[in-house]
């Protein structure tokens, strides 16, 4: 997720607009807006702590889900119409 670090750097350190960041990183404007919108509730500031590698940064933005897949649709003979 090197792109997360790059988006944050270009926004906070270089002061680029969202459109310029989009042109530089080839990430959509909407995705950049979402990334920057999440920085405030996650208390992420620039510069990032040195101990944060790309994996730690990615987990801050996209935490792993512990949700189990539904077994409701795995029963034999069950169709959506029966539900």
N, C-alpha and C. Protein backbone atom coordinates (compact mmCIF):
# COMPACT_ATOMS: atom_id res chain seq x y z
N UNK A 1 0.83 -1.19 0.00
CA UNK A 1 0.00 0.00 0.00
C UNK A 1 0.87 1.26 0.00
N UNK A 2 1.86 1.22 -0.79
CA UNK A 2 2.74 2.37 -0.92
C UNK A 2 1.98 3.60 -1.37
N UNK A 3 0.87 3.38 -2.06
CA UNK A 3 0.07 4.51 -2.54
C UNK A 3 -0.53 5.32 -1.40
N UNK A 4 -0.89 4.67 -0.30
CA UNK A 4 -1.42 5.41 0.84
C UNK A 4 -0.39 6.40 1.36
N UNK A 5 0.81 5.93 1.53
CA UNK A 5 1.89 6.79 2.02
C UNK A 5 2.14 7.94 1.04
N UNK A 6 2.09 7.63 -0.25
CA UNK A 6 2.34 8.65 -1.27
C UNK A 6 1.23 9.69 -1.30
N UNK A 7 -0.01 9.27 -1.16
CA UNK A 7 -1.14 10.22 -1.13
C UNK A 7 -1.01 11.14 0.07
N UNK A 8 -0.69 10.59 1.22
CA UNK A 8 -0.54 11.41 2.42
C UNK A 8 0.63 12.39 2.27
N UNK A 9 1.73 11.91 1.72
CA UNK A 9 2.89 12.77 1.53
C UNK A 9 2.59 13.92 0.57
N UNK A 10 1.95 13.59 -0.54
CA UNK A 10 1.65 14.63 -1.53
C UNK A 10 0.65 15.65 -1.00
N UNK A 11 -0.28 15.19 -0.17
CA UNK A 11 -1.28 16.10 0.36
C UNK A 11 -0.72 16.98 1.47
N UNK A 12 -0.08 16.36 2.45
CA UNK A 12 0.35 17.12 3.64
C UNK A 12 1.72 17.78 3.48
N UNK A 13 2.65 17.09 2.84
CA UNK A 13 3.99 17.63 2.73
C UNK A 13 4.14 18.55 1.53
N UNK A 14 3.65 18.10 0.37
CA UNK A 14 3.80 18.90 -0.84
C UNK A 14 2.65 19.89 -1.03
N UNK A 15 1.53 19.67 -0.36
CA UNK A 15 0.40 20.59 -0.44
C UNK A 15 -0.32 20.57 -1.77
N UNK A 16 -0.28 19.43 -2.47
CA UNK A 16 -0.93 19.33 -3.77
C UNK A 16 -2.45 19.18 -3.62
N UNK A 17 -3.16 19.60 -4.66
CA UNK A 17 -4.61 19.42 -4.67
C UNK A 17 -4.94 17.95 -4.94
N UNK A 18 -6.19 17.60 -4.71
CA UNK A 18 -6.62 16.22 -4.91
C UNK A 18 -6.46 15.83 -6.38
N UNK A 19 -6.78 16.73 -7.29
CA UNK A 19 -6.65 16.43 -8.72
C UNK A 19 -5.20 16.23 -9.13
N UNK A 20 -4.29 17.01 -8.57
CA UNK A 20 -2.88 16.84 -8.89
C UNK A 20 -2.34 15.53 -8.30
N UNK A 21 -2.81 15.19 -7.11
CA UNK A 21 -2.43 13.90 -6.51
C UNK A 21 -2.95 12.76 -7.39
N UNK A 22 -4.17 12.90 -7.88
CA UNK A 22 -4.75 11.88 -8.74
C UNK A 22 -3.94 11.70 -10.02
N UNK A 23 -3.52 12.80 -10.61
CA UNK A 23 -2.72 12.72 -11.83
C UNK A 23 -1.36 12.10 -11.56
N UNK A 24 -0.80 12.37 -10.41
CA UNK A 24 0.52 11.87 -10.07
C UNK A 24 0.52 10.39 -9.72
N UNK A 25 -0.52 9.93 -9.02
CA UNK A 25 -0.54 8.56 -8.52
C UNK A 25 -1.43 7.62 -9.33
N UNK A 26 -2.21 8.16 -10.26
CA UNK A 26 -3.15 7.36 -11.05
C UNK A 26 -4.22 6.69 -10.18
N UNK A 27 -4.60 7.38 -9.11
CA UNK A 27 -5.67 6.94 -8.23
C UNK A 27 -6.85 7.87 -8.46
N UNK A 28 -8.07 7.34 -8.41
CA UNK A 28 -9.23 8.18 -8.67
C UNK A 28 -9.39 9.27 -7.61
N UNK A 29 -10.03 10.36 -8.02
CA UNK A 29 -10.25 11.49 -7.12
C UNK A 29 -11.08 11.04 -5.91
N UNK A 30 -12.08 10.22 -6.15
CA UNK A 30 -12.94 9.74 -5.06
C UNK A 30 -12.17 8.92 -4.04
N UNK A 31 -11.25 8.09 -4.50
CA UNK A 31 -10.45 7.28 -3.57
C UNK A 31 -9.53 8.16 -2.74
N UNK A 32 -8.96 9.16 -3.38
CA UNK A 32 -8.09 10.09 -2.63
C UNK A 32 -8.90 10.85 -1.60
N UNK A 33 -10.09 11.28 -1.97
CA UNK A 33 -10.95 11.98 -1.01
C UNK A 33 -11.28 11.08 0.17
N UNK A 34 -11.56 9.81 -0.10
CA UNK A 34 -11.86 8.87 0.99
C UNK A 34 -10.66 8.66 1.90
N UNK A 35 -9.49 8.54 1.32
CA UNK A 35 -8.27 8.36 2.12
C UNK A 35 -8.04 9.56 3.02
N UNK A 36 -8.15 10.75 2.45
CA UNK A 36 -7.89 11.96 3.23
C UNK A 36 -8.99 12.21 4.26
N UNK A 37 -10.21 11.79 3.96
CA UNK A 37 -11.31 11.95 4.91
C UNK A 37 -11.12 11.05 6.13
N UNK A 38 -10.51 9.89 5.92
CA UNK A 38 -10.30 8.94 7.02
C UNK A 38 -9.14 9.32 7.94
N UNK A 39 -8.27 10.21 7.50
CA UNK A 39 -7.10 10.53 8.32
C UNK A 39 -7.48 11.21 9.63
N UNK A 40 -8.50 12.05 9.62
CA UNK A 40 -8.89 12.75 10.85
C UNK A 40 -9.42 11.79 11.92
N UNK A 41 -10.43 10.95 11.62
CA UNK A 41 -10.92 10.05 12.67
C UNK A 41 -9.89 9.01 13.12
N UNK A 42 -8.93 8.69 12.24
CA UNK A 42 -7.90 7.72 12.61
C UNK A 42 -6.69 8.37 13.28
N UNK A 43 -6.71 9.69 13.44
CA UNK A 43 -5.61 10.45 14.05
C UNK A 43 -4.28 10.20 13.34
N UNK A 44 -4.32 10.22 12.02
CA UNK A 44 -3.12 10.02 11.22
C UNK A 44 -2.63 11.39 10.77
N UNK A 45 -1.40 11.69 11.12
CA UNK A 45 -0.81 12.98 10.76
C UNK A 45 0.48 12.74 9.99
N UNK A 46 0.94 13.77 9.34
CA UNK A 46 2.21 13.69 8.61
C UNK A 46 3.25 14.48 9.36
N UNK A 47 4.43 14.03 9.58
CA UNK A 47 5.00 12.78 9.11
C UNK A 47 4.50 11.59 9.91
N UNK A 48 4.46 10.46 9.25
CA UNK A 48 4.03 9.23 9.89
C UNK A 48 5.10 8.74 10.86
N UNK A 49 4.69 8.03 11.91
CA UNK A 49 5.70 7.46 12.80
C UNK A 49 6.64 6.53 12.03
N UNK A 50 7.90 6.53 12.38
CA UNK A 50 8.89 5.74 11.66
C UNK A 50 8.66 4.24 11.77
N UNK A 51 7.98 3.82 12.82
CA UNK A 51 7.75 2.38 13.01
C UNK A 51 6.62 1.86 12.12
N UNK A 52 5.88 2.75 11.47
CA UNK A 52 4.78 2.32 10.60
C UNK A 52 5.32 1.99 9.23
N UNK A 53 5.27 0.72 8.87
CA UNK A 53 5.60 0.34 7.50
C UNK A 53 4.30 0.37 6.69
N UNK A 54 4.37 -0.04 5.44
CA UNK A 54 3.19 0.03 4.58
C UNK A 54 2.07 -0.89 5.05
N UNK A 55 2.43 -2.02 5.64
CA UNK A 55 1.42 -2.95 6.12
C UNK A 55 0.66 -2.38 7.32
N UNK A 56 1.36 -1.77 8.25
CA UNK A 56 0.71 -1.16 9.41
C UNK A 56 -0.20 -0.03 8.96
N UNK A 57 0.27 0.78 8.03
CA UNK A 57 -0.54 1.88 7.52
C UNK A 57 -1.80 1.35 6.83
N UNK A 58 -1.67 0.30 6.06
CA UNK A 58 -2.83 -0.29 5.38
C UNK A 58 -3.84 -0.83 6.39
N UNK A 59 -3.35 -1.43 7.47
CA UNK A 59 -4.27 -1.95 8.50
C UNK A 59 -4.99 -0.84 9.24
N UNK A 60 -4.40 0.34 9.32
CA UNK A 60 -5.08 1.48 9.94
C UNK A 60 -6.29 1.88 9.11
N UNK A 61 -6.12 1.90 7.79
CA UNK A 61 -7.20 2.31 6.90
C UNK A 61 -8.19 1.19 6.63
N UNK A 62 -7.70 -0.03 6.50
CA UNK A 62 -8.54 -1.16 6.13
C UNK A 62 -8.33 -2.30 7.11
N UNK A 63 -8.94 -2.21 8.31
CA UNK A 63 -8.74 -3.27 9.31
C UNK A 63 -9.33 -4.59 8.83
N UNK A 64 -8.73 -5.65 9.27
CA UNK A 64 -9.24 -6.97 8.90
C UNK A 64 -10.55 -7.23 9.60
N UNK A 65 -11.44 -7.88 8.90
CA UNK A 65 -12.74 -8.21 9.47
C UNK A 65 -12.70 -9.64 10.01
N UNK A 66 -13.30 -9.82 11.19
CA UNK A 66 -13.39 -11.16 11.79
C UNK A 66 -14.73 -11.80 11.50
N UNK A 67 -15.51 -11.20 10.62
CA UNK A 67 -16.83 -11.72 10.30
C UNK A 67 -16.71 -13.06 9.59
N UNK A 68 -17.57 -13.97 9.97
CA UNK A 68 -17.60 -15.28 9.35
C UNK A 68 -18.56 -15.25 8.16
N UNK A 69 -18.24 -15.95 7.09
CA UNK A 69 -19.15 -15.99 5.95
C UNK A 69 -20.45 -16.68 6.33
N UNK A 70 -21.51 -16.22 5.76
CA UNK A 70 -22.82 -16.78 6.07
C UNK A 70 -22.93 -18.19 5.49
N UNK A 71 -23.46 -19.09 6.30
CA UNK A 71 -23.67 -20.46 5.84
C UNK A 71 -25.11 -20.65 5.38
N UNK A 72 -25.88 -19.60 5.42
CA UNK A 72 -27.29 -19.69 5.08
C UNK A 72 -27.48 -20.17 3.64
N UNK A 73 -26.65 -19.73 2.72
CA UNK A 73 -26.82 -20.07 1.31
C UNK A 73 -26.09 -21.35 0.92
N UNK A 74 -25.47 -22.02 1.86
CA UNK A 74 -24.73 -23.22 1.54
C UNK A 74 -25.55 -24.50 1.71
N UNK A 75 -26.77 -24.38 2.20
CA UNK A 75 -27.60 -25.56 2.37
C UNK A 75 -28.04 -26.09 1.02
N UNK A 76 -28.05 -27.40 0.87
CA UNK A 76 -28.40 -28.01 -0.40
C UNK A 76 -29.89 -27.80 -0.69
N UNK A 77 -30.18 -27.37 -1.90
CA UNK A 77 -31.57 -27.18 -2.32
C UNK A 77 -32.17 -25.84 -1.94
N UNK A 78 -31.41 -24.99 -1.29
CA UNK A 78 -31.91 -23.69 -0.87
C UNK A 78 -31.71 -22.68 -1.99
N UNK A 79 -32.75 -22.00 -2.35
CA UNK A 79 -32.66 -20.95 -3.38
C UNK A 79 -33.06 -19.61 -2.78
N UNK A 80 -32.75 -18.57 -3.50
CA UNK A 80 -33.12 -17.25 -3.02
C UNK A 80 -34.64 -17.09 -2.95
N UNK A 81 -35.33 -17.80 -3.82
CA UNK A 81 -36.78 -17.69 -3.84
C UNK A 81 -37.39 -18.29 -2.57
N UNK A 82 -36.77 -19.31 -2.01
CA UNK A 82 -37.26 -19.93 -0.79
C UNK A 82 -37.04 -19.04 0.43
N UNK A 83 -36.07 -18.17 0.34
CA UNK A 83 -35.79 -17.28 1.47
C UNK A 83 -36.84 -16.22 1.51
